[in-house]
């Protein structure tokens, strides 16, 4: 399992969530099998998104789509502040206690 982690500042969470729900990069069609959205306690102006994939190449491809089609140019959501921090991680162990 591979996870694309994205963290960025937002100036309006509701507007950001509406843009996220519009799904401009077709998450399911891009290989996302699940996702999580988190916000740091005490910081409502930041969002953490984790998108899970079966294959690393799917995560890399979706990251490229986000960089080219969502986070730059005229289609960039007004609710985003700055440039998102991203990384792709590989799960090496998981356990539910």
C-alpha atoms as a PDB file:
ATOM      1  CA  UNK A   1       0.000   0.000   0.000  1.00  0.00           C
ATOM      2  CA  UNK A   2       1.231   3.459  -0.924  1.00  0.00           C
ATOM      3  CA  UNK A   3      -0.066   6.707   0.506  1.00  0.00           C
ATOM      4  CA  UNK A   4       0.171  10.161  -1.003  1.00  0.00           C
ATOM      5  CA  UNK A   5       0.311  12.563   1.934  1.00  0.00           C
ATOM      6  CA  UNK A   6      -0.650  16.166   1.253  1.00  0.00           C
ATOM      7  CA  UNK A   7      -0.571  19.010   3.764  1.00  0.00           C
ATOM      8  CA  UNK A   8      -1.511  22.555   2.971  1.00  0.00           C
ATOM      9  CA  UNK A   9      -2.913  25.740   4.375  1.00  0.00           C
ATOM     10  CA  UNK A  10      -6.487  26.719   3.585  1.00  0.00           C
ATOM     11  CA  UNK A  11      -8.148  30.051   4.165  1.00  0.00           C
ATOM     12  CA  UNK A  12     -11.705  28.637   4.122  1.00  0.00           C
ATOM     13  CA  UNK A  13     -12.195  24.973   5.020  1.00  0.00           C
ATOM     14  CA  UNK A  14     -15.778  24.818   3.735  1.00  0.00           C
ATOM     15  CA  UNK A  15     -14.772  26.203   0.338  1.00  0.00           C
ATOM     16  CA  UNK A  16     -11.758  23.873   0.216  1.00  0.00           C
ATOM     17  CA  UNK A  17     -13.960  20.857   1.080  1.00  0.00           C
ATOM     18  CA  UNK A  18     -16.403  21.774  -1.672  1.00  0.00           C
ATOM     19  CA  UNK A  19     -13.514  21.860  -4.177  1.00  0.00           C
ATOM     20  CA  UNK A  20     -12.197  18.533  -2.836  1.00  0.00           C
ATOM     21  CA  UNK A  21     -15.629  16.911  -3.129  1.00  0.00           C
ATOM     22  CA  UNK A  22     -15.890  18.093  -6.754  1.00  0.00           C
ATOM     23  CA  UNK A  23     -13.047  15.589  -7.390  1.00  0.00           C
ATOM     24  CA  UNK A  24     -11.368  17.326 -10.360  1.00  0.00           C
ATOM     25  CA  UNK A  25      -8.759  14.535 -10.752  1.00  0.00           C
ATOM     26  CA  UNK A  26     -11.149  11.548 -10.528  1.00  0.00           C
ATOM     27  CA  UNK A  27      -9.673   9.934  -7.411  1.00  0.00           C
ATOM     28  CA  UNK A  28     -11.341   6.530  -7.921  1.00  0.00           C
ATOM     29  CA  UNK A  29     -10.398   6.449 -11.595  1.00  0.00           C
ATOM     30  CA  UNK A  30      -6.828   7.380 -10.611  1.00  0.00           C
ATOM     31  CA  UNK A  31      -6.483   4.386  -8.308  1.00  0.00           C
ATOM     32  CA  UNK A  32      -7.364   5.843  -4.894  1.00  0.00           C
ATOM     33  CA  UNK A  33      -8.780   3.021  -2.767  1.00  0.00           C
ATOM     34  CA  UNK A  34      -9.397   5.087   0.375  1.00  0.00           C
ATOM     35  CA  UNK A  35      -8.627   8.498   1.812  1.00  0.00           C
ATOM     36  CA  UNK A  36      -8.529  10.379   5.093  1.00  0.00           C
ATOM     37  CA  UNK A  37      -8.830  14.092   5.777  1.00  0.00           C
ATOM     38  CA  UNK A  38      -7.450  15.456   9.041  1.00  0.00           C
ATOM     39  CA  UNK A  39      -6.989  18.863  10.590  1.00  0.00           C
ATOM     40  CA  UNK A  40      -4.417  19.591  13.296  1.00  0.00           C
ATOM     41  CA  UNK A  41      -5.977  20.250  16.675  1.00  0.00           C
ATOM     42  CA  UNK A  42      -5.860  23.981  17.284  1.00  0.00           C
ATOM     43  CA  UNK A  43      -5.081  24.877  13.649  1.00  0.00           C
ATOM     44  CA  UNK A  44      -8.230  25.054  11.535  1.00  0.00           C
ATOM     45  CA  UNK A  45      -6.250  26.666   8.696  1.00  0.00           C
ATOM     46  CA  UNK A  46      -4.345  23.477   7.749  1.00  0.00           C
ATOM     47  CA  UNK A  47      -5.541  20.272   6.121  1.00  0.00           C
ATOM     48  CA  UNK A  48      -3.841  16.875   5.943  1.00  0.00           C
ATOM     49  CA  UNK A  49      -5.023  14.478   3.218  1.00  0.00           C
ATOM     50  CA  UNK A  50      -3.905  10.870   2.872  1.00  0.00           C
ATOM     51  CA  UNK A  51      -4.782   9.092  -0.377  1.00  0.00           C
ATOM     52  CA  UNK A  52      -4.167   5.323  -0.448  1.00  0.00           C
ATOM     53  CA  UNK A  53      -3.168   3.353  -3.569  1.00  0.00           C
ATOM     54  CA  UNK A  54      -2.281  -0.253  -4.385  1.00  0.00           C
ATOM     55  CA  UNK A  55       0.579   0.813  -6.692  1.00  0.00           C
ATOM     56  CA  UNK A  56       3.290   3.458  -6.298  1.00  0.00           C
ATOM     57  CA  UNK A  57       2.920   4.537  -9.932  1.00  0.00           C
ATOM     58  CA  UNK A  58      -0.731   5.447  -9.297  1.00  0.00           C
ATOM     59  CA  UNK A  59       0.276   7.736  -6.421  1.00  0.00           C
ATOM     60  CA  UNK A  60       2.977   9.373  -8.543  1.00  0.00           C
ATOM     61  CA  UNK A  61       0.577   9.881 -11.431  1.00  0.00           C
ATOM     62  CA  UNK A  62      -2.116  11.478  -9.281  1.00  0.00           C
ATOM     63  CA  UNK A  63       0.456  13.759  -7.653  1.00  0.00           C
ATOM     64  CA  UNK A  64       1.446  14.950 -11.131  1.00  0.00           C
ATOM     65  CA  UNK A  65      -2.200  15.623 -12.018  1.00  0.00           C
ATOM     66  CA  UNK A  66      -2.689  17.616  -8.830  1.00  0.00           C
ATOM     67  CA  UNK A  67       0.449  19.681  -9.436  1.00  0.00           C
ATOM     68  CA  UNK A  68      -0.431  20.444 -13.063  1.00  0.00           C
ATOM     69  CA  UNK A  69      -4.216  20.706 -13.009  1.00  0.00           C
ATOM     70  CA  UNK A  70      -5.277  21.729  -9.513  1.00  0.00           C
ATOM     71  CA  UNK A  71      -2.530  23.533  -7.618  1.00  0.00           C
ATOM     72  CA  UNK A  72      -1.385  25.810 -10.434  1.00  0.00           C
ATOM     73  CA  UNK A  73      -3.004  27.818 -13.164  1.00  0.00           C
ATOM     74  CA  UNK A  74      -6.451  29.342 -13.381  1.00  0.00           C
ATOM     75  CA  UNK A  75      -8.222  26.298 -11.906  1.00  0.00           C
ATOM     76  CA  UNK A  76      -6.459  26.615  -8.540  1.00  0.00           C
ATOM     77  CA  UNK A  77      -9.039  26.720  -5.718  1.00  0.00           C
ATOM     78  CA  UNK A  78      -9.148  30.124  -4.042  1.00  0.00           C
ATOM     79  CA  UNK A  79      -9.297  28.397  -0.642  1.00  0.00           C
ATOM     80  CA  UNK A  80      -5.670  27.163  -0.966  1.00  0.00           C
ATOM     81  CA  UNK A  81      -2.856  29.170   0.602  1.00  0.00           C
ATOM     82  CA  UNK A  82       0.709  28.582  -0.569  1.00  0.00           C
ATOM     83  CA  UNK A  83       2.139  25.414  -2.054  1.00  0.00           C
ATOM     84  CA  UNK A  84       1.135  22.046  -0.564  1.00  0.00           C
ATOM     85  CA  UNK A  85       3.775  19.822   1.048  1.00  0.00           C
ATOM     86  CA  UNK A  86       3.611  16.293  -0.349  1.00  0.00           C
ATOM     87  CA  UNK A  87       5.269  12.927  -0.079  1.00  0.00           C
ATOM     88  CA  UNK A  88       4.560   9.341  -1.040  1.00  0.00           C
ATOM     89  CA  UNK A  89       5.096   6.728   1.658  1.00  0.00           C
ATOM     90  CA  UNK A  90       4.989   2.945   1.560  1.00  0.00           C
ATOM     91  CA  UNK A  91       3.248   1.078   4.372  1.00  0.00           C
ATOM     92  CA  UNK A  92       5.583  -1.514   5.819  1.00  0.00           C
ATOM     93  CA  UNK A  93       3.460  -2.581   8.782  1.00  0.00           C
ATOM     94  CA  UNK A  94      -0.023  -1.925  10.139  1.00  0.00           C
ATOM     95  CA  UNK A  95      -1.815  -3.402  13.137  1.00  0.00           C
ATOM     96  CA  UNK A  96      -5.109  -2.684  14.810  1.00  0.00           C
ATOM     97  CA  UNK A  97      -5.031  -2.987  18.595  1.00  0.00           C
END
